[in-house]
Each structure stands twice: as structure tokens, then as C-alpha cells.
Amino acid sequence: MINKIRKYIAQRQNLAKQPIVETDILLGSKPKNIKHFLTFKEFHKNSHFSIKKIKEYLKQAKGKLIINGNLKQNYISKLMKLVLKEKGEFSVIVNDGYRLSKKRNIENSSQVAVILEPLNKGSE
């Protein structure tokens, strides 16, 4: 997973006009703490499958789901209910929602939509 994260960060840096801060694009997470993540594009490609996959990850290892607050409200609600049902934790993070709301096709954005961190850091 760490290689996927490094590749993602490098890709985002190449697209950026200014240097980026890892924790900003990773919704406050540190790369070493991330067990799984999805971008908006990956999430929206098949949202039903994405939610099902997140549920599987939560069952395997209790975790904290970090949700990008710019997802559509119905997806945020589904993800929050899922985490509560699996007795995990969640955070909803909103960064620059106004600028993102002006994008016509947010579903194809390469921004991170959700991140899963294990609750017990020893199970990475």
C-alpha cells in the first residue's frame, strides 16, 4: 500500500503548481498509517462495489474511516452508518469545498475520497 500512496503523492505533486503537503492531500493521515484509500474517480466508478469493499476491510481489521466531506451527502451517510455498524470510527474532513463544488465533474477527480486506517497500529 505504501508504494501506491507514494505513487499517488508523486502524481499529485506533478499536477500541482506549488509544493504540496502530504497530510493535506491525505486528509490529515500519514502515509504509514493508511491501510486502504480510494480517489473520487475510483469510488464513483462503481460506488456500490467500493462501499462493499470498504465493509470487507472494516470487518477484517477494525479501523477508522476518514471521509472526504466533498462526497455526496448520501454516500457520506452510507459510509458513516457502515462504520457505526462495524463498530469502527470515522471522521469527515472538508477542505476547500467551495472550489471543489465549482468543478463540473467531481466524480472524476483524483482527490482522495476515503481513507481507512487501522485502529490498532500494530496490525498494519
Foldseek 3Di string as FASTA:
>chain_A
DLVVLVVLQVVVCVVDPDGDDSCVLVVNDDSLQFPDWDFLQRCLVDVVVVLVVVLVVCLVAPWEKEFEQLDDPVSVVSNVVSNVVSVHHYHYGYDPNVVCVPDPCRSNDRGIGMTIGGPDSVVD
